[in-house]
Amino acid sequence: MCVPEGVSSRDAAPLTCAGVTTYKAIKVSGLRPTERAAIFGIGGLGHLALQYARIFGAVTVAVDVTEAKLALATELGADHTVNAAETDPVTAIRELGGADVAVVLAATPVVLEQAHAALRRGGRLVLVSLPKDNIMRLPVFETVLGGISVIGSIVGTRVDLAEVFHLHAAGRTKVDVEVRKLDEINDAISDVLAGRVTARVVFEP
């Protein structure tokens, strides 16, 4: 697939990974206009998931533990932000009425459980991140009695990618990137691991 005009190589790199992955997650969630979508983890994937949720017409809640990432979410139009390092996200989201959809992009097991607990009746939990322990505690009573759906979503199709490119070329999305030189790769990895990168790093020669 060729990158269309109107999409720079700099933006195309994150869109072909983070973009198509989160776009597919929003699609499989069945998100409908006016529903409340909570995005857990605002970073390379999350800042795009937030934008796709808004395009689908949702009221959005951005959840993260870093103020810089929450500031980015606000800049991108998030209706609500929750700093999970300072506030219980389950309580905060329930006070808003609960989430119809929760998309989990953070790889910490407790975040998976928080996202599930923040759902309202009939909510959908969309799992994208892959915690290293490969385990999540799922409360069966709450899931059954609350009519909760748990959905796994991975990457997307060529059709999804074409739609991602089309939306970006139309000016509907913004990719937050830091451009680094290739010989800075070790420093870039250190910055990512230390949480000093807000979203994505793109390397150029």
Protein backbone atom coordinates (compact mmCIF):
# COMPACT_ATOMS: atom_id res chain seq x y z
CA MET A 1 0.00 0.00 0.00
CA CYS A 2 1.33 3.43 -0.95
CA VAL A 3 1.27 6.31 1.49
CA PRO A 4 -1.16 8.86 0.01
CA GLU A 5 -0.41 12.48 -0.64
CA GLY A 6 -1.05 14.59 2.41
CA VAL A 7 0.56 12.08 4.77
CA SER A 8 4.25 12.69 5.45
CA SER A 9 6.71 9.86 5.94
CA ARG A 10 7.23 11.14 9.47
CA ASP A 11 3.55 10.67 10.27
CA ALA A 12 3.09 7.52 8.21
CA ALA A 13 5.55 5.57 10.35
CA PRO A 14 3.49 5.81 13.59
CA LEU A 15 0.19 5.52 11.71
CA THR A 16 1.13 2.16 10.21
CA CYS A 17 1.62 0.76 13.71
CA ALA A 18 0.04 2.73 16.53
CA GLY A 19 -2.56 4.31 14.26
CA VAL A 20 -4.00 1.21 12.64
CA THR A 21 -3.81 -0.73 15.92
CA THR A 22 -5.87 1.76 17.90
CA TYR A 23 -8.24 2.52 15.04
CA LYS A 24 -9.08 -1.18 14.87
CA ALA A 25 -9.57 -1.27 18.65
CA ILE A 26 -12.09 1.56 18.48
CA LYS A 27 -13.89 -0.13 15.56
CA VAL A 28 -14.24 -3.50 17.28
CA SER A 29 -15.48 -1.82 20.46
CA GLY A 30 -18.69 -0.92 18.68
CA LEU A 31 -18.36 2.62 19.98
CA ARG A 32 -21.38 4.76 19.16
CA PRO A 33 -21.85 8.55 19.14
CA THR A 34 -22.41 10.09 22.60
CA GLU A 35 -21.09 7.00 24.40
CA ARG A 36 -18.30 7.50 26.94
CA ALA A 37 -14.92 6.06 26.01
CA ALA A 38 -12.07 5.79 28.52
CA ILE A 39 -8.58 5.47 27.09
CA PHE A 40 -6.19 3.96 29.63
CA GLY A 41 -2.64 4.93 28.67
CA ILE A 42 -2.06 8.13 26.72
CA GLY A 43 1.16 7.66 24.79
CA GLY A 44 2.19 6.56 21.33
CA LEU A 45 -0.98 4.50 20.93
CA GLY A 46 -3.27 6.27 23.36
CA HIS A 47 -3.05 9.74 21.86
CA LEU A 48 -4.28 8.28 18.58
CA ALA A 49 -6.95 6.10 20.20
CA LEU A 50 -8.31 9.22 21.86
CA GLN A 51 -8.61 10.98 18.52
CA TYR A 52 -10.34 8.03 16.85
CA ALA A 53 -12.82 7.80 19.74
CA ARG A 54 -13.62 11.48 19.21
CA ILE A 55 -14.06 10.91 15.47
CA PHE A 56 -16.56 8.17 16.30
CA GLY A 57 -18.49 10.74 18.34
CA ALA A 58 -17.63 9.64 21.87
CA VAL A 59 -17.24 11.62 25.06
CA THR A 60 -13.64 10.86 25.93
CA VAL A 61 -11.80 10.26 29.20
CA ALA A 62 -7.99 10.12 29.10
CA VAL A 63 -6.32 8.19 31.91
CA ASP A 64 -2.58 8.27 32.58
CA VAL A 65 -0.06 8.82 35.35
CA THR A 66 1.96 11.52 33.58
CA GLU A 67 0.85 15.15 33.47
CA ALA A 68 2.62 15.79 30.18
CA LYS A 69 0.61 13.04 28.50
CA LEU A 70 -2.62 14.27 30.03
CA ALA A 71 -1.79 17.76 28.78
CA LEU A 72 -1.38 16.27 25.31
CA ALA A 73 -4.77 14.58 25.69
CA THR A 74 -6.36 17.92 26.59
CA GLU A 75 -4.71 19.53 23.59
CA LEU A 76 -6.18 16.79 21.39
CA GLY A 77 -9.69 17.44 22.70
CA ALA A 78 -10.21 15.02 25.59
CA ASP A 79 -13.40 15.86 27.46
CA HIS A 80 -12.00 14.64 30.78
CA THR A 81 -8.58 13.66 32.08
CA VAL A 82 -7.70 11.53 35.10
CA ASN A 83 -4.25 11.35 36.68
CA ALA A 84 -4.28 7.79 38.02
CA ALA A 85 -1.22 8.55 40.15
CA GLU A 86 -3.28 11.02 42.17
CA THR A 87 -6.90 9.91 41.74
CA ASP A 88 -8.60 6.52 41.65
CA PRO A 89 -9.64 6.29 37.99
CA VAL A 90 -12.47 3.88 38.77
CA THR A 91 -14.10 6.36 41.15
CA ALA A 92 -13.48 9.30 38.82
CA ILE A 93 -15.01 7.56 35.80
CA ARG A 94 -17.95 6.18 37.76
CA GLU A 95 -18.70 9.70 38.95
CA LEU A 96 -19.07 10.63 35.29
CA GLY A 97 -21.53 7.76 34.83
CA GLY A 98 -19.13 4.97 33.98
CA ALA A 99 -17.50 4.10 30.67
CA ASP A 100 -19.36 2.43 27.82
CA VAL A 101 -16.00 1.46 26.34
CA ALA A 102 -12.60 1.17 27.99
CA VAL A 103 -9.56 0.68 25.78
CA VAL A 104 -6.48 -0.53 27.62
CA LEU A 105 -3.13 0.48 26.16
CA ALA A 106 -1.05 0.30 29.35
CA ALA A 107 0.68 -3.00 30.15
CA THR A 108 0.26 -2.96 33.92
CA PRO A 109 -2.18 -5.67 35.15
CA VAL A 110 -3.84 -3.35 37.68
CA VAL A 111 -4.80 -1.02 34.83
CA LEU A 112 -6.70 -3.85 33.14
CA GLU A 113 -8.67 -4.37 36.34
CA GLN A 114 -9.33 -0.66 36.78
CA ALA A 115 -10.62 -0.39 33.23
CA HIS A 116 -13.01 -3.29 33.79
CA ALA A 117 -14.25 -1.81 37.07
CA ALA A 118 -14.85 1.58 35.45
CA LEU A 119 -17.35 0.18 32.95
CA ARG A 120 -21.06 0.80 33.24
CA ARG A 121 -23.64 -1.91 32.63
CA GLY A 122 -23.28 -3.35 29.14
CA GLY A 123 -19.79 -1.88 28.77
CA ARG A 124 -17.05 -3.23 26.54
CA LEU A 125 -13.47 -3.77 27.65
CA VAL A 126 -11.02 -3.74 24.74
CA LEU A 127 -7.63 -5.29 25.46
CA VAL A 128 -4.74 -4.16 23.28
CA SER A 129 -1.67 -4.09 25.53
CA LEU A 130 0.18 -7.29 26.43
CA PRO A 131 1.24 -7.46 30.10
CA LYS A 132 4.42 -9.45 30.62
CA ASP A 133 2.75 -11.86 33.07
CA ASN A 134 0.00 -12.65 30.52
CA ILE A 135 -2.60 -12.65 33.30
CA MET A 136 -5.53 -10.49 34.30
CA ARG A 137 -7.95 -11.07 37.16
CA LEU A 138 -11.48 -11.03 35.79
CA PRO A 139 -14.35 -10.73 38.30
CA VAL A 140 -16.91 -13.19 36.96
CA PHE A 141 -19.97 -11.99 38.91
CA GLU A 142 -19.50 -8.36 37.85
CA THR A 143 -18.83 -9.40 34.26
CA VAL A 144 -21.89 -11.65 34.00
CA LEU A 145 -24.36 -9.56 36.00
CA GLY A 146 -23.18 -6.34 34.37
CA GLY A 147 -23.34 -7.75 30.85
CA ILE A 148 -19.71 -6.79 30.28
CA SER A 149 -17.97 -7.82 27.05
CA VAL A 150 -14.22 -8.44 26.93
CA ILE A 151 -12.73 -7.99 23.47
CA GLY A 152 -9.20 -8.63 22.26
CA SER A 153 -7.93 -6.45 19.42
CA ILE A 154 -4.67 -6.72 17.50
CA VAL A 155 -3.40 -4.45 14.72
CA GLY A 156 -5.79 -4.06 11.77
CA THR A 157 -6.35 -4.80 8.10
CA ARG A 158 -5.23 -3.06 4.92
CA VAL A 159 -8.70 -1.53 4.76
CA ASP A 160 -8.27 -0.17 8.29
CA LEU A 161 -4.90 1.31 7.36
CA ALA A 162 -6.36 2.94 4.25
CA GLU A 163 -9.03 4.55 6.44
CA VAL A 164 -6.37 5.71 8.93
CA PHE A 165 -4.41 7.35 6.12
CA HIS A 166 -7.57 8.93 4.70
CA LEU A 167 -8.52 10.45 8.05
CA HIS A 168 -5.03 11.83 8.55
CA ALA A 169 -4.80 13.26 5.03
CA ALA A 170 -8.15 14.98 5.70
CA GLY A 171 -6.67 16.67 8.77
CA ARG A 172 -8.76 14.70 11.27
CA THR A 173 -5.81 13.37 13.29
CA LYS A 174 -2.50 14.63 14.59
CA VAL A 175 0.57 12.49 15.26
CA ASP A 176 2.74 13.60 18.16
CA VAL A 177 6.33 12.67 17.32
CA GLU A 178 9.87 13.52 18.28
CA VAL A 179 12.30 13.32 15.36
CA ARG A 180 15.73 11.95 16.22
CA LYS A 181 18.83 11.09 14.22
CA LEU A 182 19.53 7.40 13.78
CA ASP A 183 22.78 7.62 15.73
CA GLU A 184 20.71 8.82 18.73
CA ILE A 185 18.86 5.53 18.97
CA ASN A 186 20.37 4.45 22.31
CA ASP A 187 19.49 7.75 23.97
CA ALA A 188 16.00 7.56 22.49
CA ILE A 189 15.43 4.09 23.92
CA SER A 190 16.59 5.30 27.32
CA ASP A 191 14.19 8.24 27.11
CA VAL A 192 11.28 5.95 26.17
CA LEU A 193 12.02 3.58 29.05
CA ALA A 194 12.28 6.50 31.47
CA GLY A 195 8.96 7.94 30.31
CA ARG A 196 10.51 11.08 28.90
CA VAL A 197 8.87 10.63 25.48
CA THR A 198 5.26 11.76 25.32
CA ALA A 199 4.17 9.73 22.32
CA ARG A 200 6.35 8.44 19.48
CA VAL A 201 9.95 8.76 18.26
CA VAL A 202 10.68 8.73 14.54
CA PHE A 203 14.22 8.33 13.27
CA GLU A 204 15.67 9.96 10.20
CA PRO A 205 19.14 9.50 8.63
